[in-house]
Amino acid sequence: MKCVLPFLAAATTLLVSAPSQADSFMPPSVQEAVSSDGSIAVTVIPAMLSCAPGETECVAAARAIVERVHGGYRGNSRTIRLVNPQAPGRVLVTDDGERLLTLDDYASYGFGDNVLVIYGANGEVIARLGLHDFLPEDYIAGLPRTASTLRWWAAPARIEPGTHRAVVSVIAVQAADSWPSPGASGFELDLDLDTGEIESPSGPDWQNALNCARAQRWLVPDQSAKRERDRYRALCR
């Protein structure tokens, strides 16, 4: 792993909520992506656009059309049905077109089990990961958030050219209680697109980010948990 640089109180319960921002999303639209060498193109059709008007036999579902690019033409297409309710937030494809990686559900980033989904050549799901599958729960609890977004990513994910290996960058939670900037630092984790195995974050910078996440947790159920959170605030640098 690489490091890239209102209160409600009751008698015995204390709930502390971190600042939350409002979200506003347009309906999902058709999105396109190409492999690093430009030989493969992917077109994602959101579920709401997947059936023609008046088409009664069609089952609405998000779909990805994978095509090989020949000069200015596309051919050898195949369609993959996606698990996202409407559409993924982003899609990546390998240079050989054999692996497709989607990130998050559109307008629900970081929530649920579709944070990272890997598809094989025949559309089979190789792996389906939520944040809880590769990050500790107390780290997730301290991530910056809005009503429908957990800001878990730093730099955009990428697939290494000519490989079945992706690099996913996880945001490094900081001491400041603010929304991360586009250039926020993070931890690069290797993701094997053949097995779904993902690297675990580690090292002193990760430990500090974990302490900061524990200090930034948005929900504190009692006074004991509040004291523990305050202890981690002292450790967050």
C-alpha atoms as a PDB file:
ATOM      1  CA  MET A   1       0.000   0.000   0.000  1.00  0.00           C
ATOM      2  CA  LYS A   2       1.244   3.473  -0.855  1.00  0.00           C
ATOM      3  CA  CYS A   3       0.325   6.707   0.939  1.00  0.00           C
ATOM      4  CA  VAL A   4      -0.417   9.452  -1.571  1.00  0.00           C
ATOM      5  CA  LEU A   5       0.483  12.461  -0.278  1.00  0.00           C
ATOM      6  CA  PRO A   6     -27.074  19.441  16.134  1.00  0.00           C
ATOM      7  CA  PHE A   7     -26.862  17.693  19.570  1.00  0.00           C
ATOM      8  CA  LEU A   8     -29.617  15.458  20.981  1.00  0.00           C
ATOM      9  CA  ALA A   9     -29.216  14.642  24.675  1.00  0.00           C
ATOM     10  CA  ALA A  10     -31.151  12.269  26.932  1.00  0.00           C
ATOM     11  CA  ALA A  11     -30.457  11.134  30.490  1.00  0.00           C
ATOM     12  CA  THR A  12     -28.030   8.391  29.492  1.00  0.00           C
ATOM     13  CA  THR A  13     -27.598   8.818  25.728  1.00  0.00           C
ATOM     14  CA  LEU A  14     -25.623  11.381  23.806  1.00  0.00           C
ATOM     15  CA  LEU A  15     -25.835  11.526  20.035  1.00  0.00           C
ATOM     16  CA  VAL A  16     -23.319  13.707  18.274  1.00  0.00           C
ATOM     17  CA  SER A  17     -23.803  14.402  14.586  1.00  0.00           C
ATOM     18  CA  ALA A  18     -21.069  15.790  12.372  1.00  0.00           C
ATOM     19  CA  PRO A  19     -21.936  18.549   9.893  1.00  0.00           C
ATOM     20  CA  SER A  20     -23.814  17.183   6.933  1.00  0.00           C
ATOM     21  CA  GLN A  21     -24.177  18.676   3.493  1.00  0.00           C
ATOM     22  CA  ALA A  22     -27.188  18.452   1.250  1.00  0.00           C
ATOM     23  CA  ASP A  23     -26.940  16.448  -1.947  1.00  0.00           C
ATOM     24  CA  SER A  24     -28.475  17.251  -5.302  1.00  0.00           C
ATOM     25  CA  PHE A  25     -28.159  14.855  -8.240  1.00  0.00           C
ATOM     26  CA  MET A  26     -29.513  14.991 -11.749  1.00  0.00           C
ATOM     27  CA  PRO A  27     -31.006  11.734 -13.065  1.00  0.00           C
ATOM     28  CA  PRO A  28     -28.261   9.395 -14.314  1.00  0.00           C
ATOM     29  CA  SER A  29     -27.327   9.699 -17.966  1.00  0.00           C
ATOM     30  CA  VAL A  30     -25.493   7.490 -20.436  1.00  0.00           C
ATOM     31  CA  GLN A  31     -21.785   7.385 -19.635  1.00  0.00           C
ATOM     32  CA  GLU A  32     -18.854   6.103 -21.642  1.00  0.00           C
ATOM     33  CA  ALA A  33     -15.362   4.916 -20.755  1.00  0.00           C
ATOM     34  CA  VAL A  34     -12.431   3.537 -22.724  1.00  0.00           C
ATOM     35  CA  SER A  35      -9.570   1.275 -21.745  1.00  0.00           C
ATOM     36  CA  SER A  36      -6.116   2.762 -21.183  1.00  0.00           C
ATOM     37  CA  ASP A  37      -4.985   1.809 -24.705  1.00  0.00           C
ATOM     38  CA  GLY A  38      -8.239   2.932 -26.352  1.00  0.00           C
ATOM     39  CA  SER A  39      -9.023  -0.506 -27.792  1.00  0.00           C
ATOM     40  CA  ILE A  40     -12.142  -1.149 -25.675  1.00  0.00           C
ATOM     41  CA  ALA A  41     -15.124   1.150 -25.179  1.00  0.00           C
ATOM     42  CA  VAL A  42     -17.874   0.751 -22.588  1.00  0.00           C
ATOM     43  CA  THR A  43     -21.251   2.472 -22.725  1.00  0.00           C
ATOM     44  CA  VAL A  44     -23.351   2.376 -19.551  1.00  0.00           C
ATOM     45  CA  ILE A  45     -27.129   2.675 -19.958  1.00  0.00           C
ATOM     46  CA  PRO A  46     -28.970   3.600 -16.727  1.00  0.00           C
ATOM     47  CA  ALA A  47     -31.940   1.441 -15.770  1.00  0.00           C
ATOM     48  CA  MET A  48     -34.376   4.294 -16.372  1.00  0.00           C
ATOM     49  CA  LEU A  49     -33.171   4.541 -20.006  1.00  0.00           C
ATOM     50  CA  SER A  50     -32.760   0.832 -20.713  1.00  0.00           C
ATOM     51  CA  CYS A  51     -36.242   0.208 -22.141  1.00  0.00           C
ATOM     52  CA  ALA A  52     -37.811   1.945 -25.101  1.00  0.00           C
ATOM     53  CA  PRO A  53     -41.086   3.796 -24.471  1.00  0.00           C
ATOM     54  CA  GLY A  54     -43.999   1.380 -24.733  1.00  0.00           C
ATOM     55  CA  GLU A  55     -41.742  -1.704 -24.667  1.00  0.00           C
ATOM     56  CA  THR A  56     -43.760  -4.004 -22.405  1.00  0.00           C
ATOM     57  CA  GLU A  57     -41.476  -7.060 -22.371  1.00  0.00           C
ATOM     58  CA  CYS A  58     -38.348  -5.164 -21.358  1.00  0.00           C
ATOM     59  CA  VAL A  59     -37.084  -5.434 -17.768  1.00  0.00           C
ATOM     60  CA  ALA A  60     -35.472  -2.169 -16.737  1.00  0.00           C
ATOM     61  CA  ALA A  61     -31.887  -2.694 -15.574  1.00  0.00           C
ATOM     62  CA  ALA A  62     -28.578  -0.889 -15.785  1.00  0.00           C
ATOM     63  CA  ARG A  63     -26.498  -2.307 -18.620  1.00  0.00           C
ATOM     64  CA  ALA A  64     -22.956  -1.962 -19.916  1.00  0.00           C
ATOM     65  CA  ILE A  65     -22.244  -2.433 -23.620  1.00  0.00           C
ATOM     66  CA  VAL A  66     -18.628  -3.496 -24.156  1.00  0.00           C
ATOM     67  CA  GLU A  67     -17.224  -2.998 -27.669  1.00  0.00           C
ATOM     68  CA  ARG A  68     -13.878  -3.408 -29.363  1.00  0.00           C
ATOM     69  CA  VAL A  69     -12.703  -0.276 -31.183  1.00  0.00           C
ATOM     70  CA  HIS A  70     -11.351  -0.685 -34.726  1.00  0.00           C
ATOM     71  CA  GLY A  71     -10.183   2.690 -35.973  1.00  0.00           C
ATOM     72  CA  GLY A  72     -13.297   4.801 -36.048  1.00  0.00           C
ATOM     73  CA  TYR A  73     -15.611   1.799 -35.790  1.00  0.00           C
ATOM     74  CA  ARG A  74     -16.862  -0.351 -32.946  1.00  0.00           C
ATOM     75  CA  GLY A  75     -17.753  -4.021 -33.090  1.00  0.00           C
ATOM     76  CA  ASN A  76     -17.838  -7.385 -31.297  1.00  0.00           C
ATOM     77  CA  SER A  77     -20.200  -5.918 -28.726  1.00  0.00           C
ATOM     78  CA  ARG A  78     -21.584  -7.725 -25.718  1.00  0.00           C
ATOM     79  CA  THR A  79     -23.981  -6.535 -23.035  1.00  0.00           C
ATOM     80  CA  ILE A  80     -23.490  -6.967 -19.295  1.00  0.00           C
ATOM     81  CA  ARG A  81     -26.375  -6.517 -16.889  1.00  0.00           C
ATOM     82  CA  LEU A  82     -25.185  -4.500 -13.894  1.00  0.00           C
ATOM     83  CA  VAL A  83     -26.239  -4.964 -10.276  1.00  0.00           C
ATOM     84  CA  ASN A  84     -26.660  -1.225  -9.628  1.00  0.00           C
ATOM     85  CA  PRO A  85     -30.297  -0.167  -9.081  1.00  0.00           C
ATOM     86  CA  GLN A  86     -29.946   2.710 -11.561  1.00  0.00           C
ATOM     87  CA  ALA A  87     -26.323   3.082 -12.645  1.00  0.00           C
ATOM     88  CA  PRO A  88     -22.786   2.915 -11.288  1.00  0.00           C
ATOM     89  CA  GLY A  89     -20.961   6.075 -10.344  1.00  0.00           C
ATOM     90  CA  ARG A  90     -18.060   5.155 -12.615  1.00  0.00           C
ATOM     91  CA  VAL A  91     -16.899   2.308 -14.827  1.00  0.00           C
ATOM     92  CA  LEU A  92     -13.431   1.075 -15.848  1.00  0.00           C
ATOM     93  CA  VAL A  93     -12.405  -1.648 -18.285  1.00  0.00           C
ATOM     94  CA  THR A  94      -9.203  -3.596 -18.915  1.00  0.00           C
ATOM     95  CA  ASP A  95      -7.308  -3.344 -22.197  1.00  0.00           C
ATOM     96  CA  ASP A  96      -8.398  -6.858 -23.220  1.00  0.00           C
ATOM     97  CA  GLY A  97     -12.044  -6.154 -22.341  1.00  0.00           C
ATOM     98  CA  GLU A  98     -12.153  -9.215 -20.081  1.00  0.00           C
ATOM     99  CA  ARG A  99     -12.756  -7.350 -16.824  1.00  0.00           C
ATOM    100  CA  LEU A 100     -15.159  -4.547 -15.974  1.00  0.00           C
ATOM    101  CA  LEU A 101     -14.947  -2.602 -12.713  1.00  0.00           C
ATOM    102  CA  THR A 102     -17.757  -0.357 -11.491  1.00  0.00           C
ATOM    103  CA  LEU A 103     -17.536   1.993  -8.533  1.00  0.00           C
ATOM    104  CA  ASP A 104     -20.464   2.884  -6.277  1.00  0.00           C
ATOM    105  CA  ASP A 105     -24.157   3.330  -6.962  1.00  0.00           C
ATOM    106  CA  TYR A 106     -25.003   6.588  -8.688  1.00  0.00           C
ATOM    107  CA  ALA A 107     -26.205   9.176  -6.119  1.00  0.00           C
ATOM    108  CA  SER A 108     -25.390   6.812  -3.224  1.00  0.00           C
ATOM    109  CA  TYR A 109     -21.615   6.832  -3.084  1.00  0.00           C
ATOM    110  CA  GLY A 110     -19.961   4.683  -0.430  1.00  0.00           C
ATOM    111  CA  PHE A 111     -23.163   3.046   0.791  1.00  0.00           C
ATOM    112  CA  GLY A 112     -24.280  -0.546   0.222  1.00  0.00           C
ATOM    113  CA  ASP A 113     -22.540  -3.514  -1.380  1.00  0.00           C
ATOM    114  CA  ASN A 114     -21.759  -2.023  -4.802  1.00  0.00           C
ATOM    115  CA  VAL A 115     -18.775   0.144  -3.915  1.00  0.00           C
ATOM    116  CA  LEU A 116     -16.536  -2.115  -6.035  1.00  0.00           C
ATOM    117  CA  VAL A 117     -18.054  -4.665  -8.420  1.00  0.00           C
ATOM    118  CA  ILE A 118     -15.942  -6.749 -10.803  1.00  0.00           C
ATOM    119  CA  TYR A 119     -17.500  -8.451 -13.845  1.00  0.00           C
ATOM    120  CA  GLY A 120     -15.957 -11.191 -15.965  1.00  0.00           C
ATOM    121  CA  ALA A 121     -15.944 -11.629 -19.728  1.00  0.00           C
ATOM    122  CA  ASN A 122     -19.374 -13.297 -19.724  1.00  0.00           C
ATOM    123  CA  GLY A 123     -20.965 -10.771 -17.387  1.00  0.00           C
ATOM    124  CA  GLU A 124     -20.554 -12.894 -14.273  1.00  0.00           C
ATOM    125  CA  VAL A 125     -19.931 -11.094 -10.985  1.00  0.00           C
ATOM    126  CA  ILE A 126     -16.425 -11.987  -9.801  1.00  0.00           C
ATOM    127  CA  ALA A 127     -16.562  -9.838  -6.668  1.00  0.00           C
ATOM    128  CA  ARG A 128     -18.988  -7.424  -5.062  1.00  0.00           C
ATOM    129  CA  LEU A 129     -17.532  -5.333  -2.245  1.00  0.00           C
ATOM    130  CA  GLY A 130     -18.889  -2.764   0.166  1.00  0.00           C
ATOM    131  CA  LEU A 131     -16.659  -0.488   2.213  1.00  0.00           C
ATOM    132  CA  HIS A 132     -17.024  -2.896   5.134  1.00  0.00           C
ATOM    133  CA  ASP A 133     -15.229  -5.544   3.084  1.00  0.00           C
ATOM    134  CA  PHE A 134     -11.934  -3.646   3.015  1.00  0.00           C
ATOM    135  CA  LEU A 135     -12.117  -0.879   5.637  1.00  0.00           C
ATOM    136  CA  PRO A 136     -12.646  -1.121   9.426  1.00  0.00           C
ATOM    137  CA  GLU A 137     -16.085  -0.089  10.643  1.00  0.00           C
ATOM    138  CA  ASP A 138     -14.629   2.646  12.858  1.00  0.00           C
ATOM    139  CA  TYR A 139     -12.846   4.110   9.835  1.00  0.00           C
ATOM    140  CA  ILE A 140     -16.076   4.132   7.841  1.00  0.00           C
ATOM    141  CA  ALA A 141     -17.825   5.826  10.787  1.00  0.00           C
ATOM    142  CA  GLY A 142     -15.373   8.726  10.591  1.00  0.00           C
ATOM    143  CA  LEU A 143     -15.513   9.318   6.839  1.00  0.00           C
ATOM    144  CA  PRO A 144     -16.764  12.705   5.618  1.00  0.00           C
ATOM    145  CA  ARG A 145     -20.400  12.326   4.628  1.00  0.00           C
ATOM    146  CA  THR A 146     -23.496  13.974   3.275  1.00  0.00           C
ATOM    147  CA  ALA A 147     -27.051  12.695   3.181  1.00  0.00           C
ATOM    148  CA  SER A 148     -26.222  10.248   0.391  1.00  0.00           C
ATOM    149  CA  THR A 149     -22.442  10.193   0.080  1.00  0.00           C
ATOM    150  CA  LEU A 150     -19.634   8.669   2.103  1.00  0.00           C
ATOM    151  CA  ARG A 151     -16.504  10.377   0.764  1.00  0.00           C
ATOM    152  CA  TRP A 152     -14.248   7.324   0.832  1.00  0.00           C
ATOM    153  CA  TRP A 153     -12.102   7.893  -2.291  1.00  0.00           C
ATOM    154  CA  ALA A 154      -9.114  10.161  -2.890  1.00  0.00           C
ATOM    155  CA  ALA A 155      -7.613   9.999  -6.387  1.00  0.00           C
ATOM    156  CA  PRO A 156      -9.782   8.362  -9.071  1.00  0.00           C
ATOM    157  CA  ALA A 157      -9.424   4.594  -9.327  1.00  0.00           C
ATOM    158  CA  ARG A 158      -7.470   3.284 -12.293  1.00  0.00           C
ATOM    159  CA  ILE A 159      -6.617   0.020 -14.041  1.00  0.00           C
ATOM    160  CA  GLU A 160      -2.941  -0.506 -14.746  1.00  0.00           C
ATOM    161  CA  PRO A 161      -2.326  -0.760 -18.525  1.00  0.00           C
ATOM    162  CA  GLY A 162      -2.184  -4.296 -19.886  1.00  0.00           C
ATOM    163  CA  THR A 163      -3.109  -5.912 -16.560  1.00  0.00           C
ATOM    164  CA  HIS A 164      -6.037  -7.194 -14.521  1.00  0.00           C
ATOM    165  CA  ARG A 165      -4.960  -5.021 -11.583  1.00  0.00           C
ATOM    166  CA  ALA A 166      -6.747  -1.907 -10.395  1.00  0.00           C
ATOM    167  CA  VAL A 167      -5.519   0.707  -7.948  1.00  0.00           C
ATOM    168  CA  VAL A 168      -8.123   2.139  -5.589  1.00  0.00           C
ATOM    169  CA  SER A 169      -7.295   5.222  -3.518  1.00  0.00           C
ATOM    170  CA  VAL A 170      -8.943   5.532  -0.081  1.00  0.00           C
ATOM    171  CA  ILE A 171      -9.212   8.992   1.473  1.00  0.00           C
ATOM    172  CA  ALA A 172      -6.924   9.736   4.418  1.00  0.00           C
ATOM    173  CA  VAL A 173      -9.196  11.145   7.131  1.00  0.00           C
ATOM    174  CA  GLN A 174      -7.701  14.360   8.514  1.00  0.00           C
ATOM    175  CA  ALA A 175      -7.992  16.186  11.821  1.00  0.00           C
ATOM    176  CA  ALA A 176      -9.941  19.077  10.294  1.00  0.00           C
ATOM    177  CA  ASP A 177     -13.697  18.530  10.191  1.00  0.00           C
ATOM    178  CA  SER A 178     -14.218  19.668   6.605  1.00  0.00           C
ATOM    179  CA  TRP A 179     -15.055  18.276   3.181  1.00  0.00           C
ATOM    180  CA  PRO A 180     -11.891  16.961   1.459  1.00  0.00           C
ATOM    181  CA  SER A 181     -10.480  18.927  -1.451  1.00  0.00           C
ATOM    182  CA  PRO A 182     -10.182  17.270  -4.893  1.00  0.00           C
ATOM    183  CA  GLY A 183      -6.460  16.746  -4.290  1.00  0.00           C
ATOM    184  CA  ALA A 184      -6.861  15.163  -0.852  1.00  0.00           C
ATOM    185  CA  SER A 185      -4.245  12.565   0.094  1.00  0.00           C
ATOM    186  CA  GLY A 186      -5.095   8.888   0.253  1.00  0.00           C
ATOM    187  CA  PHE A 187      -3.899   5.303   0.463  1.00  0.00           C
ATOM    188  CA  GLU A 188      -3.479   3.311  -2.743  1.00  0.00           C
ATOM    189  CA  LEU A 189      -4.778  -0.253  -2.493  1.00  0.00           C
ATOM    190  CA  ASP A 190      -4.183  -2.922  -5.137  1.00  0.00           C
ATOM    191  CA  LEU A 191      -7.312  -4.755  -6.323  1.00  0.00           C
ATOM    192  CA  ASP A 192      -6.960  -8.079  -8.161  1.00  0.00           C
ATOM    193  CA  LEU A 193      -9.619  -8.118 -10.880  1.00  0.00           C
ATOM    194  CA  ASP A 194      -9.361 -11.898 -11.292  1.00  0.00           C
ATOM    195  CA  THR A 195     -10.027 -12.790  -7.644  1.00  0.00           C
ATOM    196  CA  GLY A 196     -11.532  -9.681  -6.048  1.00  0.00           C
ATOM    197  CA  GLU A 197      -8.824  -9.641  -3.390  1.00  0.00           C
ATOM    198  CA  ILE A 198      -7.950  -6.137  -2.228  1.00  0.00           C
ATOM    199  CA  GLU A 199      -4.951  -4.945  -0.270  1.00  0.00           C
ATOM    200  CA  SER A 200      -5.463  -3.843   3.344  1.00  0.00           C
ATOM    201  CA  PRO A 201      -4.209  -0.392   4.330  1.00  0.00           C
ATOM    202  CA  SER A 202      -1.315  -0.353   6.787  1.00  0.00           C
ATOM    203  CA  GLY A 203       1.596   1.695   8.095  1.00  0.00           C
ATOM    204  CA  PRO A 204       2.009   4.692  10.418  1.00  0.00           C
ATOM    205  CA  ASP A 205       0.186   7.122   8.126  1.00  0.00           C
ATOM    206  CA  TRP A 206      -2.754   4.728   8.002  1.00  0.00           C
ATOM    207  CA  GLN A 207      -2.733   4.395  11.799  1.00  0.00           C
ATOM    208  CA  ASN A 208      -2.889   8.169  12.144  1.00  0.00           C
ATOM    209  CA  ALA A 209      -5.761   8.364   9.639  1.00  0.00           C
ATOM    210  CA  LEU A 210      -7.551   5.634  11.604  1.00  0.00           C
ATOM    211  CA  ASN A 211      -7.117   7.633  14.817  1.00  0.00           C
ATOM    212  CA  CYS A 212      -8.475  10.713  13.028  1.00  0.00           C
ATOM    213  CA  ALA A 213     -11.467   8.727  11.752  1.00  0.00           C
ATOM    214  CA  ARG A 214     -12.171   7.492  15.282  1.00  0.00           C
ATOM    215  CA  ALA A 215     -11.958  11.100  16.445  1.00  0.00           C
ATOM    216  CA  GLN A 216     -14.310  12.262  13.683  1.00  0.00           C
ATOM    217  CA  ARG A 217     -16.960   9.580  14.133  1.00  0.00           C
ATOM    218  CA  TRP A 218     -20.352  11.134  13.604  1.00  0.00           C
ATOM    219  CA  LEU A 219     -22.340   9.066  16.122  1.00  0.00           C
ATOM    220  CA  VAL A 220     -21.401   8.777  19.815  1.00  0.00           C
ATOM    221  CA  PRO A 221     -24.004   6.723  21.735  1.00  0.00           C
ATOM    222  CA  ASP A 222     -22.925   7.450  25.337  1.00  0.00           C
ATOM    223  CA  GLN A 223     -20.505   9.336  27.555  1.00  0.00           C
ATOM    224  CA  SER A 224     -17.998   6.477  27.560  1.00  0.00           C
ATOM    225  CA  ALA A 225     -17.846   6.522  23.765  1.00  0.00           C
ATOM    226  CA  LYS A 226     -17.504  10.301  23.844  1.00  0.00           C
ATOM    227  CA  ARG A 227     -14.486  10.031  26.152  1.00  0.00           C
ATOM    228  CA  GLU A 228     -12.970   7.435  23.845  1.00  0.00           C
ATOM    229  CA  ARG A 229     -13.500   9.707  20.867  1.00  0.00           C
ATOM    230  CA  ASP A 230     -11.825  12.574  22.721  1.00  0.00           C
ATOM    231  CA  ARG A 231      -8.839  10.310  23.422  1.00  0.00           C
ATOM    232  CA  TYR A 232      -8.441   9.634  19.709  1.00  0.00           C
ATOM    233  CA  ARG A 233      -8.651  13.343  18.984  1.00  0.00           C
ATOM    234  CA  ALA A 234      -5.453  13.742  20.999  1.00  0.00           C
ATOM    235  CA  LEU A 235      -3.806  11.044  18.838  1.00  0.00           C
ATOM    236  CA  CYS A 236      -4.948  12.525  15.518  1.00  0.00           C
ATOM    237  CA  ARG A 237      -2.150  14.623  14.059  1.00  0.00           C
END
